N, C-alpha and C. Protein backbone atom coordinates (compact mmCIF):
# COMPACT_ATOMS: atom_id res chain seq x y z
N MET A 1 143.41 101.49 104.60
CA MET A 1 142.44 100.45 104.82
C MET A 1 143.15 99.12 105.04
N PRO A 2 142.54 98.21 105.77
CA PRO A 2 143.17 96.92 105.99
C PRO A 2 143.18 96.09 104.72
N THR A 3 144.07 95.12 104.69
CA THR A 3 144.10 94.20 103.56
C THR A 3 142.88 93.31 103.65
N CYS A 4 142.19 93.13 102.55
CA CYS A 4 140.98 92.31 102.53
C CYS A 4 141.16 91.17 101.54
N SER A 5 140.50 90.07 101.81
CA SER A 5 140.50 89.00 100.81
C SER A 5 139.54 89.40 99.70
N ALA A 6 139.68 88.80 98.55
CA ALA A 6 138.83 89.16 97.41
C ALA A 6 137.36 88.95 97.73
N SER A 7 137.04 87.93 98.52
CA SER A 7 135.64 87.65 98.83
C SER A 7 135.02 88.67 99.78
N SER A 8 135.85 89.33 100.61
CA SER A 8 135.28 90.29 101.55
C SER A 8 135.41 91.73 101.08
N ARG A 9 135.99 91.95 99.93
CA ARG A 9 136.20 93.31 99.43
C ARG A 9 134.87 93.88 98.92
N PRO A 10 134.46 95.02 99.44
CA PRO A 10 133.21 95.62 98.96
C PRO A 10 133.38 96.13 97.54
N THR A 11 132.33 96.08 96.79
CA THR A 11 132.37 96.61 95.43
C THR A 11 131.33 97.70 95.30
N ALA A 12 131.66 98.72 94.56
CA ALA A 12 130.74 99.83 94.34
C ALA A 12 131.11 100.49 93.03
N THR A 13 130.12 101.10 92.42
CA THR A 13 130.37 101.85 91.20
C THR A 13 129.96 103.29 91.47
N TRP A 14 130.83 104.22 91.10
CA TRP A 14 130.50 105.63 91.27
C TRP A 14 131.18 106.43 90.18
N HIS A 15 130.67 107.60 89.97
CA HIS A 15 131.23 108.52 88.98
C HIS A 15 132.57 109.02 89.51
N PRO A 16 133.61 109.14 88.65
CA PRO A 16 134.92 109.59 89.13
C PRO A 16 134.89 110.87 89.93
N ALA A 17 134.00 111.79 89.61
CA ALA A 17 133.92 113.05 90.35
C ALA A 17 133.45 112.82 91.79
N GLN A 18 132.74 111.72 92.01
CA GLN A 18 132.22 111.41 93.33
C GLN A 18 133.12 110.45 94.10
N ALA A 19 134.22 110.01 93.48
CA ALA A 19 135.07 108.99 94.10
C ALA A 19 135.54 109.41 95.48
N GLY A 20 136.01 110.64 95.63
CA GLY A 20 136.49 111.08 96.94
C GLY A 20 135.40 111.04 97.99
N LYS A 21 134.21 111.48 97.63
CA LYS A 21 133.10 111.48 98.56
C LYS A 21 132.68 110.05 98.91
N ALA A 22 132.64 109.18 97.93
CA ALA A 22 132.24 107.80 98.16
C ALA A 22 133.26 107.08 99.04
N VAL A 23 134.53 107.28 98.78
CA VAL A 23 135.57 106.65 99.58
C VAL A 23 135.52 107.18 101.01
N GLY A 24 135.36 108.48 101.14
CA GLY A 24 135.27 109.08 102.47
C GLY A 24 134.06 108.59 103.25
N ALA A 25 132.93 108.48 102.58
CA ALA A 25 131.72 107.98 103.24
C ALA A 25 131.91 106.53 103.68
N TYR A 26 132.55 105.74 102.82
CA TYR A 26 132.82 104.34 103.19
C TYR A 26 133.75 104.29 104.40
N LEU A 27 134.80 105.10 104.40
CA LEU A 27 135.72 105.14 105.53
C LEU A 27 134.98 105.48 106.82
N CYS A 28 134.09 106.45 106.75
CA CYS A 28 133.33 106.85 107.93
C CYS A 28 132.45 105.72 108.44
N ARG A 29 131.77 105.02 107.54
CA ARG A 29 130.93 103.88 107.94
C ARG A 29 131.78 102.76 108.54
N TYR A 30 132.90 102.46 107.88
CA TYR A 30 133.79 101.39 108.33
C TYR A 30 134.36 101.72 109.71
N ALA A 31 134.85 102.94 109.87
CA ALA A 31 135.44 103.34 111.14
C ALA A 31 134.40 103.39 112.26
N LYS A 32 133.17 103.74 111.93
CA LYS A 32 132.12 103.75 112.95
C LYS A 32 131.85 102.33 113.42
N ALA A 33 131.86 101.37 112.49
CA ALA A 33 131.66 99.97 112.87
C ALA A 33 132.79 99.49 113.79
N VAL A 34 133.99 99.98 113.58
CA VAL A 34 135.15 99.57 114.38
C VAL A 34 135.19 100.30 115.72
N THR A 35 134.97 101.61 115.71
CA THR A 35 135.19 102.43 116.90
C THR A 35 133.93 102.94 117.58
N GLY A 36 132.84 102.99 116.84
CA GLY A 36 131.62 103.59 117.36
C GLY A 36 131.59 105.11 117.20
N ALA A 37 132.67 105.68 116.67
CA ALA A 37 132.77 107.14 116.50
C ALA A 37 132.21 107.54 115.14
N ALA A 38 131.16 108.34 115.15
CA ALA A 38 130.54 108.79 113.91
C ALA A 38 131.22 110.05 113.40
N ARG A 39 131.46 110.10 112.13
CA ARG A 39 132.04 111.28 111.49
C ARG A 39 131.24 111.58 110.23
N GLN A 40 131.20 112.86 109.87
CA GLN A 40 130.62 113.27 108.60
C GLN A 40 131.72 113.92 107.78
N ILE A 41 131.72 113.63 106.49
CA ILE A 41 132.78 114.18 105.66
C ILE A 41 132.33 115.46 105.00
N GLY A 42 133.28 116.28 104.71
CA GLY A 42 133.06 117.51 103.98
C GLY A 42 134.40 118.00 103.46
N ARG A 43 134.37 118.71 102.37
CA ARG A 43 135.63 119.22 101.80
C ARG A 43 136.13 120.39 102.64
N ASN A 44 137.46 120.48 102.78
CA ASN A 44 137.98 121.63 103.53
C ASN A 44 138.01 122.85 102.61
N ALA A 45 138.04 124.01 103.22
CA ALA A 45 137.95 125.27 102.46
C ALA A 45 139.22 125.58 101.68
N ARG A 46 140.38 125.19 102.21
CA ARG A 46 141.64 125.58 101.59
C ARG A 46 141.85 124.93 100.21
N ASP A 47 141.76 123.60 100.14
CA ASP A 47 142.07 122.94 98.87
C ASP A 47 141.00 121.96 98.41
N GLY A 48 139.87 121.91 99.09
CA GLY A 48 138.75 121.10 98.63
C GLY A 48 138.89 119.60 98.79
N VAL A 49 139.80 119.14 99.64
CA VAL A 49 139.95 117.71 99.86
C VAL A 49 139.16 117.29 101.09
N TYR A 50 138.88 115.99 101.17
CA TYR A 50 138.18 115.44 102.32
C TYR A 50 139.19 115.07 103.39
N ASN A 51 138.99 115.56 104.59
CA ASN A 51 139.81 115.21 105.74
C ASN A 51 138.91 114.61 106.80
N VAL A 52 139.20 113.39 107.22
CA VAL A 52 138.45 112.75 108.28
C VAL A 52 139.42 112.51 109.43
N VAL A 53 139.11 113.04 110.60
CA VAL A 53 140.03 112.99 111.72
C VAL A 53 139.45 112.15 112.86
N TYR A 54 140.28 111.28 113.40
CA TYR A 54 139.94 110.50 114.58
C TYR A 54 140.98 110.81 115.64
N THR A 55 140.53 111.01 116.86
CA THR A 55 141.44 111.37 117.96
C THR A 55 141.17 110.47 119.16
N LYS A 56 142.06 110.53 120.09
CA LYS A 56 141.94 109.87 121.40
C LYS A 56 141.66 108.38 121.26
N GLU A 57 140.68 107.84 122.01
CA GLU A 57 140.43 106.40 122.00
C GLU A 57 140.05 105.88 120.62
N ALA A 58 139.28 106.66 119.87
CA ALA A 58 138.88 106.23 118.52
C ALA A 58 140.10 106.06 117.62
N ALA A 59 141.08 106.96 117.74
CA ALA A 59 142.29 106.85 116.93
C ALA A 59 143.08 105.60 117.31
N VAL A 60 143.17 105.32 118.59
CA VAL A 60 143.89 104.13 119.05
C VAL A 60 143.20 102.88 118.52
N GLN A 61 141.88 102.80 118.67
CA GLN A 61 141.14 101.63 118.18
C GLN A 61 141.30 101.45 116.68
N LEU A 62 141.17 102.51 115.94
CA LEU A 62 141.27 102.43 114.48
C LEU A 62 142.67 102.01 114.04
N ALA A 63 143.68 102.58 114.67
CA ALA A 63 145.07 102.22 114.33
C ALA A 63 145.34 100.76 114.64
N GLU A 64 144.86 100.27 115.78
CA GLU A 64 145.05 98.86 116.13
C GLU A 64 144.35 97.95 115.14
N HIS A 65 143.18 98.37 114.68
CA HIS A 65 142.41 97.56 113.73
C HIS A 65 143.06 97.54 112.34
N LEU A 66 143.50 98.69 111.88
CA LEU A 66 144.06 98.78 110.53
C LEU A 66 145.50 98.27 110.45
N TYR A 67 146.27 98.48 111.50
CA TYR A 67 147.69 98.09 111.50
C TYR A 67 147.93 96.97 112.50
N TYR A 68 147.33 95.84 112.24
CA TYR A 68 147.48 94.66 113.09
C TYR A 68 148.88 94.05 112.87
N PRO A 69 149.34 93.17 113.76
CA PRO A 69 150.69 92.59 113.61
C PRO A 69 150.87 91.89 112.25
N ASP A 70 151.99 92.13 111.64
CA ASP A 70 152.39 91.53 110.35
C ASP A 70 151.48 91.92 109.19
N CYS A 71 150.75 93.02 109.30
CA CYS A 71 149.93 93.45 108.16
C CYS A 71 150.82 94.09 107.10
N LEU A 72 150.32 94.16 105.89
CA LEU A 72 151.04 94.79 104.80
C LEU A 72 150.86 96.31 104.95
N SER A 73 151.95 97.02 105.24
CA SER A 73 151.85 98.46 105.43
C SER A 73 153.22 99.10 105.23
N LEU A 74 153.21 100.40 105.03
CA LEU A 74 154.46 101.15 104.98
C LEU A 74 155.05 101.18 106.39
N ALA A 75 156.35 101.06 106.49
CA ALA A 75 157.01 101.02 107.79
C ALA A 75 156.71 102.27 108.62
N ARG A 76 156.73 103.45 107.98
CA ARG A 76 156.48 104.69 108.73
C ARG A 76 155.05 104.75 109.25
N LYS A 77 154.11 104.17 108.50
CA LYS A 77 152.72 104.15 108.96
C LYS A 77 152.56 103.17 110.12
N GLN A 78 153.21 102.01 110.03
CA GLN A 78 153.17 101.02 111.11
C GLN A 78 153.79 101.60 112.39
N THR A 79 154.88 102.34 112.22
CA THR A 79 155.54 102.97 113.37
C THR A 79 154.61 104.00 114.02
N ALA A 80 153.97 104.81 113.21
CA ALA A 80 153.04 105.82 113.73
C ALA A 80 151.87 105.15 114.44
N ALA A 81 151.33 104.09 113.85
CA ALA A 81 150.21 103.38 114.47
C ALA A 81 150.64 102.73 115.78
N SER A 82 151.83 102.17 115.81
CA SER A 82 152.33 101.53 117.04
C SER A 82 152.52 102.55 118.15
N SER A 83 152.93 103.76 117.80
CA SER A 83 153.13 104.78 118.83
C SER A 83 151.80 105.20 119.47
N LEU A 84 150.71 105.04 118.75
CA LEU A 84 149.39 105.37 119.30
C LEU A 84 148.95 104.38 120.37
N ALA A 85 149.42 103.15 120.26
CA ALA A 85 148.97 102.09 121.16
C ALA A 85 149.23 102.41 122.63
N SER A 86 150.24 103.20 122.92
CA SER A 86 150.57 103.50 124.31
C SER A 86 149.79 104.70 124.87
N TRP A 87 148.98 105.35 124.04
CA TRP A 87 148.26 106.53 124.51
C TRP A 87 147.20 106.13 125.52
N GLU A 88 147.13 106.87 126.60
CA GLU A 88 146.08 106.70 127.60
C GLU A 88 145.52 108.07 127.94
N ARG A 89 144.23 108.11 128.16
CA ARG A 89 143.59 109.37 128.51
C ARG A 89 144.10 109.84 129.88
N PRO A 90 144.58 111.08 129.96
CA PRO A 90 145.01 111.62 131.26
C PRO A 90 143.83 111.66 132.23
N ALA A 91 144.11 111.45 133.49
CA ALA A 91 143.05 111.42 134.51
C ALA A 91 142.25 112.73 134.54
N THR A 92 142.90 113.83 134.18
CA THR A 92 142.23 115.13 134.24
C THR A 92 141.41 115.43 132.98
N MET A 93 141.52 114.60 131.96
CA MET A 93 140.80 114.86 130.70
C MET A 93 139.42 114.19 130.77
N ARG A 94 138.40 115.00 130.72
CA ARG A 94 137.04 114.44 130.82
C ARG A 94 136.64 113.78 129.50
N VAL A 95 135.73 112.83 129.60
CA VAL A 95 135.19 112.18 128.41
C VAL A 95 133.98 112.99 127.96
N ARG A 96 134.00 113.37 126.71
CA ARG A 96 132.90 114.18 126.17
C ARG A 96 131.68 113.31 125.95
N PRO A 97 130.52 113.75 126.41
CA PRO A 97 129.30 112.95 126.20
C PRO A 97 128.95 112.92 124.71
N PRO A 98 128.24 111.89 124.27
CA PRO A 98 127.87 111.83 122.85
C PRO A 98 127.00 113.02 122.46
N SER A 99 127.20 113.50 121.25
CA SER A 99 126.43 114.67 120.80
C SER A 99 125.02 114.24 120.40
N ARG A 100 124.10 115.17 120.55
CA ARG A 100 122.71 114.94 120.15
C ARG A 100 122.39 115.87 118.99
N ARG A 101 121.86 115.32 117.95
CA ARG A 101 121.44 116.13 116.81
C ARG A 101 120.20 116.94 117.20
N TRP A 102 120.10 118.12 116.62
CA TRP A 102 118.93 118.96 116.87
C TRP A 102 117.78 118.47 116.01
N LYS A 103 116.61 118.35 116.62
CA LYS A 103 115.38 117.94 115.93
C LYS A 103 114.58 119.20 115.59
N PRO A 104 113.78 119.14 114.52
CA PRO A 104 112.97 120.31 114.16
C PRO A 104 112.07 120.81 115.30
N TRP A 105 111.50 119.90 116.10
CA TRP A 105 110.64 120.35 117.19
C TRP A 105 111.44 121.12 118.24
N GLU A 106 112.72 120.74 118.45
CA GLU A 106 113.56 121.47 119.40
C GLU A 106 113.86 122.87 118.87
N ASP A 107 114.10 122.96 117.56
CA ASP A 107 114.33 124.27 116.95
C ASP A 107 113.10 125.16 117.12
N ARG A 108 111.91 124.58 116.96
CA ARG A 108 110.67 125.36 117.12
C ARG A 108 110.54 125.88 118.56
N VAL A 109 110.84 125.03 119.54
CA VAL A 109 110.80 125.47 120.95
C VAL A 109 111.81 126.59 121.17
N LEU A 110 113.00 126.43 120.64
CA LEU A 110 114.06 127.43 120.80
C LEU A 110 113.64 128.77 120.21
N LEU A 111 113.07 128.74 119.00
CA LEU A 111 112.63 129.98 118.35
C LEU A 111 111.43 130.60 119.06
N LYS A 112 110.54 129.76 119.55
CA LYS A 112 109.35 130.26 120.25
C LYS A 112 109.74 130.97 121.55
N LEU A 113 110.62 130.33 122.33
CA LEU A 113 111.04 130.92 123.60
C LEU A 113 112.01 132.07 123.40
N ASP A 114 112.84 131.98 122.34
CA ASP A 114 113.82 133.01 122.00
C ASP A 114 114.69 133.40 123.20
N ASP A 115 115.00 132.39 124.01
CA ASP A 115 115.82 132.62 125.20
C ASP A 115 116.61 131.34 125.47
N ALA A 116 117.93 131.43 125.43
CA ALA A 116 118.77 130.26 125.58
C ALA A 116 118.61 129.60 126.95
N ALA A 117 118.53 130.38 128.01
CA ALA A 117 118.43 129.82 129.36
C ALA A 117 117.11 129.06 129.54
N ALA A 118 116.02 129.67 129.13
CA ALA A 118 114.71 129.02 129.26
C ALA A 118 114.63 127.78 128.37
N SER A 119 115.21 127.87 127.17
CA SER A 119 115.20 126.74 126.25
C SER A 119 116.04 125.59 126.78
N ALA A 120 117.14 125.92 127.43
CA ALA A 120 118.02 124.88 127.99
C ALA A 120 117.27 124.04 129.01
N THR A 121 116.51 124.70 129.87
CA THR A 121 115.72 123.99 130.88
C THR A 121 114.65 123.13 130.21
N GLU A 122 113.96 123.70 129.26
CA GLU A 122 112.87 123.01 128.56
C GLU A 122 113.37 121.80 127.76
N LEU A 123 114.54 121.94 127.13
CA LEU A 123 115.02 120.91 126.21
C LEU A 123 116.04 119.94 126.83
N GLY A 124 116.48 120.24 128.04
CA GLY A 124 117.48 119.38 128.67
C GLY A 124 118.83 119.47 127.99
N ARG A 125 119.18 120.67 127.53
CA ARG A 125 120.46 120.93 126.88
C ARG A 125 121.17 122.04 127.65
N SER A 126 122.44 122.23 127.33
CA SER A 126 123.16 123.31 128.00
C SER A 126 122.74 124.66 127.45
N GLU A 127 122.90 125.69 128.26
CA GLU A 127 122.58 127.04 127.81
C GLU A 127 123.47 127.44 126.63
N ALA A 128 124.74 127.04 126.69
CA ALA A 128 125.67 127.37 125.60
C ALA A 128 125.22 126.72 124.29
N SER A 129 124.79 125.47 124.37
CA SER A 129 124.32 124.76 123.18
C SER A 129 123.10 125.47 122.58
N CYS A 130 122.17 125.84 123.44
CA CYS A 130 120.96 126.54 122.98
C CYS A 130 121.30 127.91 122.40
N SER A 131 122.23 128.60 123.02
CA SER A 131 122.63 129.92 122.55
C SER A 131 123.23 129.85 121.14
N VAL A 132 124.12 128.90 120.94
CA VAL A 132 124.76 128.75 119.63
C VAL A 132 123.73 128.33 118.58
N ARG A 133 122.85 127.40 118.93
CA ARG A 133 121.85 126.94 117.97
C ARG A 133 120.89 128.07 117.62
N LEU A 134 120.47 128.85 118.60
CA LEU A 134 119.58 129.97 118.35
C LEU A 134 120.24 130.98 117.41
N TRP A 135 121.51 131.28 117.64
CA TRP A 135 122.24 132.19 116.77
C TRP A 135 122.31 131.63 115.35
N ARG A 136 122.59 130.33 115.22
CA ARG A 136 122.67 129.72 113.89
C ARG A 136 121.33 129.76 113.17
N LEU A 137 120.25 129.55 113.89
CA LEU A 137 118.91 129.61 113.29
C LEU A 137 118.58 131.03 112.83
N LYS A 138 118.91 132.01 113.66
CA LYS A 138 118.59 133.40 113.35
C LYS A 138 119.44 133.97 112.21
N THR A 139 120.66 133.48 112.07
CA THR A 139 121.56 134.01 111.03
C THR A 139 121.54 133.20 109.75
N GLY A 140 120.73 132.14 109.72
CA GLY A 140 120.63 131.33 108.50
C GLY A 140 121.75 130.33 108.32
N GLN A 141 122.55 130.11 109.37
CA GLN A 141 123.63 129.12 109.31
C GLN A 141 123.08 127.70 109.18
N VAL A 142 121.89 127.47 109.74
CA VAL A 142 121.19 126.19 109.62
C VAL A 142 119.75 126.46 109.19
N GLN A 143 119.12 125.45 108.62
CA GLN A 143 117.74 125.61 108.17
C GLN A 143 116.80 125.79 109.36
N ARG A 144 115.85 126.68 109.20
CA ARG A 144 114.82 126.86 110.21
C ARG A 144 113.85 125.68 110.09
N PRO A 145 113.17 125.31 111.17
CA PRO A 145 112.31 124.11 111.13
C PRO A 145 111.21 124.17 110.07
N GLU A 146 110.73 125.39 109.75
CA GLU A 146 109.69 125.48 108.72
C GLU A 146 110.24 125.21 107.32
N ASP A 147 111.58 125.27 107.17
CA ASP A 147 112.22 124.98 105.89
C ASP A 147 112.55 123.50 105.73
N VAL A 148 112.43 122.73 106.82
CA VAL A 148 112.78 121.32 106.79
C VAL A 148 111.57 120.51 106.35
N PRO A 149 111.73 119.60 105.38
CA PRO A 149 110.60 118.77 104.96
C PRO A 149 110.07 117.94 106.12
N PRO A 150 108.74 117.69 106.18
CA PRO A 150 108.16 116.89 107.25
C PRO A 150 108.76 115.48 107.28
N GLY A 151 108.86 114.93 108.48
CA GLY A 151 109.36 113.56 108.63
C GLY A 151 110.87 113.47 108.74
N THR A 152 111.59 114.61 108.83
CA THR A 152 113.05 114.56 108.96
C THR A 152 113.47 114.97 110.34
């Protein structure tokens, strides 16, 4: 995190068991304000720690913001951040469009039609996206719309 003055330092109280989650959530909010890239945190399966990853333009922006000239930092971290500054997206690398969260009404259409191709046309999504979502709904990987409380 960048060095902050005492007046701009956020304060929060949380239970020690929640410290990792709270810090991770704060990092995600802070980084979204800087880069516009939204991330959700979750513990990894191997050792239960929170890993938040930023890549490409978001990583460059975040590194420039956190490791500004003459900031207080470890030399190896400053070197790593400086090496990111020269990264440019290759001409052949496409920019991924922003993701759209699935809404309960879209899940209902998907389940009603029970066909990825037809659902893709109806919902304005890719067939692959509809196929994966339909599989997740049918296998219980995600909540079915009737299990979701109203208003969400």
